[in-house]
Amino acid sequence: MPRSCRPVQLKDPVRVPEPEPEPVAGCDVCLALAGQRAGARAVGDLSKVIDCNIEIGCHPHAKVVR
């Protein structure tokens, strides 16, 4: 049976950017990474910005017990 329609070309889905992780107050590592992220953004190095976001988001901190 012959095909009666043409293939459909789908566009890439629009990705909604996730909010950047916030550095934890009082954490020297997070503060340093936030500074590196700001510097990378200032020179247009978006790869470094993403790397810093990942490191800030994955940096371990003590869990607060309530």
C-alpha atoms as a PDB file:
ATOM      1  CA  MET A   1       0.000   0.000   0.000  1.00  0.00           C
ATOM      2  CA  PRO A   2       1.556   3.344  -0.969  1.00  0.00           C
ATOM      3  CA  ARG A   3       2.148   5.973   1.664  1.00  0.00           C
ATOM      4  CA  SER A   4      -0.319   8.849   1.305  1.00  0.00           C
ATOM      5  CA  CYS A   5       1.361  11.389   3.559  1.00  0.00           C
ATOM      6  CA  ARG A   6       4.761  13.008   3.850  1.00  0.00           C
ATOM      7  CA  PRO A   7       7.016  12.686   6.912  1.00  0.00           C
ATOM      8  CA  VAL A   8       6.580  15.363   9.558  1.00  0.00           C
ATOM      9  CA  GLN A   9       9.580  17.364  10.743  1.00  0.00           C
ATOM     10  CA  LEU A  10       9.253  18.105  14.463  1.00  0.00           C
ATOM     11  CA  LYS A  11      10.993  21.075  16.021  1.00  0.00           C
ATOM     12  CA  ASP A  12      13.163  20.726  19.096  1.00  0.00           C
ATOM     13  CA  PRO A  13      11.077  21.213  22.234  1.00  0.00           C
ATOM     14  CA  VAL A  14      11.446  24.543  23.959  1.00  0.00           C
ATOM     15  CA  ARG A  15      13.342  24.040  27.173  1.00  0.00           C
ATOM     16  CA  VAL A  16      12.400  26.134  30.146  1.00  0.00           C
ATOM     17  CA  PRO A  17      15.590  27.027  32.014  1.00  0.00           C
ATOM     18  CA  GLU A  18      15.760  25.819  35.576  1.00  0.00           C
ATOM     19  CA  PRO A  19      16.533  28.418  38.223  1.00  0.00           C
ATOM     20  CA  GLU A  20      20.205  28.576  39.114  1.00  0.00           C
ATOM     21  CA  PRO A  21      21.125  27.015  42.437  1.00  0.00           C
ATOM     22  CA  GLU A  22      21.742  29.516  45.210  1.00  0.00           C
ATOM     23  CA  PRO A  23      24.992  29.251  47.179  1.00  0.00           C
ATOM     24  CA  VAL A  24      24.451  28.214  50.793  1.00  0.00           C
ATOM     25  CA  ALA A  25      25.049  31.110  53.192  1.00  0.00           C
ATOM     26  CA  GLY A  26      28.299  30.744  55.108  1.00  0.00           C
ATOM     27  CA  CYS A  27      29.776  28.100  52.775  1.00  0.00           C
ATOM     28  CA  ASP A  28      33.160  29.186  51.406  1.00  0.00           C
ATOM     29  CA  VAL A  29      33.021  26.610  48.592  1.00  0.00           C
ATOM     30  CA  CYS A  30      29.608  27.821  47.395  1.00  0.00           C
ATOM     31  CA  LEU A  31      30.766  31.434  47.626  1.00  0.00           C
ATOM     32  CA  ALA A  32      33.866  30.688  45.533  1.00  0.00           C
ATOM     33  CA  LEU A  33      31.797  28.813  42.931  1.00  0.00           C
ATOM     34  CA  ALA A  34      29.299  31.687  42.755  1.00  0.00           C
ATOM     35  CA  GLY A  35      32.214  34.066  42.100  1.00  0.00           C
ATOM     36  CA  GLN A  36      33.573  31.805  39.354  1.00  0.00           C
ATOM     37  CA  ARG A  37      30.080  31.577  37.845  1.00  0.00           C
ATOM     38  CA  ALA A  38      29.729  35.386  37.795  1.00  0.00           C
ATOM     39  CA  GLY A  39      33.146  35.763  36.193  1.00  0.00           C
ATOM     40  CA  ALA A  40      32.363  33.137  33.559  1.00  0.00           C
ATOM     41  CA  ARG A  41      29.039  34.790  32.746  1.00  0.00           C
ATOM     42  CA  ALA A  42      30.788  38.170  32.384  1.00  0.00           C
ATOM     43  CA  VAL A  43      33.064  36.803  29.643  1.00  0.00           C
ATOM     44  CA  GLY A  44      30.340  34.727  27.977  1.00  0.00           C
ATOM     45  CA  ASP A  45      31.674  31.303  29.017  1.00  0.00           C
ATOM     46  CA  LEU A  46      28.298  29.577  29.374  1.00  0.00           C
ATOM     47  CA  SER A  47      29.911  26.147  29.633  1.00  0.00           C
ATOM     48  CA  LYS A  48      31.718  27.252  32.795  1.00  0.00           C
ATOM     49  CA  VAL A  49      28.484  28.817  34.121  1.00  0.00           C
ATOM     50  CA  ILE A  50      26.750  25.448  33.729  1.00  0.00           C
ATOM     51  CA  ASP A  51      29.679  23.639  35.369  1.00  0.00           C
ATOM     52  CA  CYS A  52      29.520  25.983  38.365  1.00  0.00           C
ATOM     53  CA  ASN A  53      25.743  25.525  38.623  1.00  0.00           C
ATOM     54  CA  ILE A  54      26.182  21.762  38.737  1.00  0.00           C
ATOM     55  CA  GLU A  55      28.898  21.997  41.389  1.00  0.00           C
ATOM     56  CA  ILE A  56      26.863  24.381  43.555  1.00  0.00           C
ATOM     57  CA  GLY A  57      23.793  22.176  43.232  1.00  0.00           C
ATOM     58  CA  CYS A  58      25.681  18.991  44.096  1.00  0.00           C
ATOM     59  CA  HIS A  59      27.899  20.427  46.854  1.00  0.00           C
ATOM     60  CA  PRO A  60      27.087  18.521  50.061  1.00  0.00           C
ATOM     61  CA  HIS A  61      25.976  20.364  53.184  1.00  0.00           C
ATOM     62  CA  ALA A  62      24.973  19.122  56.593  1.00  0.00           C
ATOM     63  CA  LYS A  63      21.255  18.427  56.852  1.00  0.00           C
ATOM     64  CA  VAL A  64      19.381  20.716  59.231  1.00  0.00           C
ATOM     65  CA  VAL A  65      17.544  18.710  61.898  1.00  0.00           C
ATOM     66  CA  ARG A  66      14.394  20.333  63.261  1.00  0.00           C
END
